[in-house]
Amino acid sequence: MGPVKGDRVEVVVDVGGGGIRTYELIAARAGRRLETTTARGVVEVAEVTRTGQIVRTARFMQTRVIAVVEHPADDGEDEPGARRSRPERGPTLDLG
């Protein structure tokens, strides 16, 4: 089964002056996934549909990124009907 709603990525960024900011990017609809790439000094997180079309993108300067944490969605195959508690979330980045 492919990725489902709930796929998310956290990006921790140095904002200068000793501060950091955490961005949480979440796949907005069922069947979409988040793909993370790094190229030419830019970390890019893109929300992609099942057909591979990019819906929205967030870009961060690689020199400012401290960490990228990927949290794949639970596909629900472990225990049918089992509910899991949601982790605490920080501020989300609305890419819309």
Protein backbone atom coordinates (compact mmCIF):
# COMPACT_ATOMS: atom_id res chain seq x y z
CA MET A 1 0.00 0.00 0.00
CA GLY A 2 1.30 3.48 -0.86
CA PRO A 3 1.74 6.45 1.46
CA VAL A 4 -1.42 7.73 3.14
CA LYS A 5 -2.55 10.94 4.80
CA GLY A 6 -0.32 11.69 7.75
CA ASP A 7 3.08 11.53 6.05
CA ARG A 8 5.10 14.34 7.64
CA VAL A 9 8.57 15.90 7.76
CA GLU A 10 10.08 18.17 10.42
CA VAL A 11 12.78 20.65 9.41
CA VAL A 12 14.81 22.41 12.12
CA VAL A 13 16.31 25.69 10.90
CA ASP A 14 18.83 28.12 12.47
CA VAL A 15 17.17 31.54 12.27
CA GLY A 16 20.20 33.46 13.51
CA GLY A 17 20.95 35.08 16.83
CA GLY A 18 21.17 31.68 18.50
CA GLY A 19 17.53 30.84 17.73
CA ILE A 20 16.04 27.88 15.95
CA ARG A 21 12.65 27.26 14.37
CA THR A 22 10.97 23.95 13.60
CA TYR A 23 8.73 23.60 10.56
CA GLU A 24 6.38 20.63 10.32
CA LEU A 25 5.17 19.75 6.84
CA ILE A 26 2.24 17.36 6.52
CA ALA A 27 0.76 15.61 3.47
CA ALA A 28 -2.65 17.26 3.15
CA ARG A 29 -4.68 14.47 1.58
CA ALA A 30 -4.81 10.69 1.45
CA GLY A 31 -2.52 9.23 -1.19
CA ARG A 32 -0.05 12.10 -1.13
CA ARG A 33 3.48 11.80 0.14
CA LEU A 34 6.36 14.11 1.02
CA GLU A 35 9.65 13.81 -0.82
CA THR A 36 12.82 15.41 0.55
CA THR A 37 15.73 16.33 -1.74
CA THR A 38 18.96 18.27 -1.34
CA ALA A 39 20.63 19.92 -4.32
CA ARG A 40 22.67 23.07 -4.99
CA GLY A 41 22.57 24.27 -1.41
CA VAL A 42 18.80 23.92 -1.01
CA VAL A 43 16.77 21.41 1.01
CA GLU A 44 13.41 20.93 -0.67
CA VAL A 45 10.34 19.16 0.72
CA ALA A 46 7.63 18.58 -1.90
CA GLU A 47 4.12 17.21 -1.51
CA VAL A 48 3.54 14.79 -4.37
CA THR A 49 0.35 13.11 -5.63
CA ARG A 50 0.07 9.42 -6.51
CA THR A 51 0.79 10.28 -10.15
CA GLY A 52 3.99 12.13 -9.24
CA GLN A 53 2.71 15.68 -9.73
CA ILE A 54 4.15 18.20 -7.27
CA VAL A 55 1.38 20.05 -5.44
CA ARG A 56 3.42 22.37 -3.21
CA THR A 57 7.01 22.85 -2.13
CA ALA A 58 8.97 24.26 0.82
CA ARG A 59 12.62 25.25 0.35
CA PHE A 60 15.28 25.93 2.97
CA MET A 61 18.91 27.07 2.66
CA GLN A 62 21.08 24.03 3.34
CA THR A 63 23.55 26.06 5.41
CA ARG A 64 20.74 26.98 7.84
CA VAL A 65 19.17 23.51 8.19
CA ILE A 66 20.14 21.77 11.42
CA ALA A 67 18.02 18.61 11.05
CA VAL A 68 15.47 16.95 8.79
CA VAL A 69 13.29 14.30 10.46
CA GLU A 70 11.01 12.20 8.27
CA HIS A 71 7.95 10.54 9.82
CA PRO A 72 6.35 8.18 7.29
CA ALA A 73 2.62 7.66 7.68
CA ASP A 74 1.48 4.50 9.40
CA ASP A 75 -0.16 2.40 6.68
CA GLY A 76 -2.37 0.67 9.25
CA GLU A 77 -1.23 -2.85 8.35
CA ASP A 78 0.00 -3.68 11.88
CA GLU A 79 -3.39 -3.95 13.56
CA PRO A 80 -6.60 -3.31 11.64
CA GLY A 81 -8.82 -0.85 13.48
CA ALA A 82 -6.12 0.09 15.98
CA ARG A 83 -5.89 3.79 16.80
CA ARG A 84 -2.66 5.49 17.64
CA SER A 85 -2.25 8.66 19.63
CA ARG A 86 -1.01 11.65 17.70
CA PRO A 87 2.39 13.07 18.67
CA GLU A 88 2.56 16.61 20.02
CA ARG A 89 3.01 19.08 17.22
CA GLY A 90 4.80 22.37 17.00
CA PRO A 91 3.86 25.12 14.58
CA THR A 92 2.98 23.95 11.10
CA LEU A 93 4.09 25.55 7.86
CA ASP A 94 1.14 26.24 5.59
CA LEU A 95 2.40 25.90 2.03
CA GLY A 96 -0.99 26.70 0.46
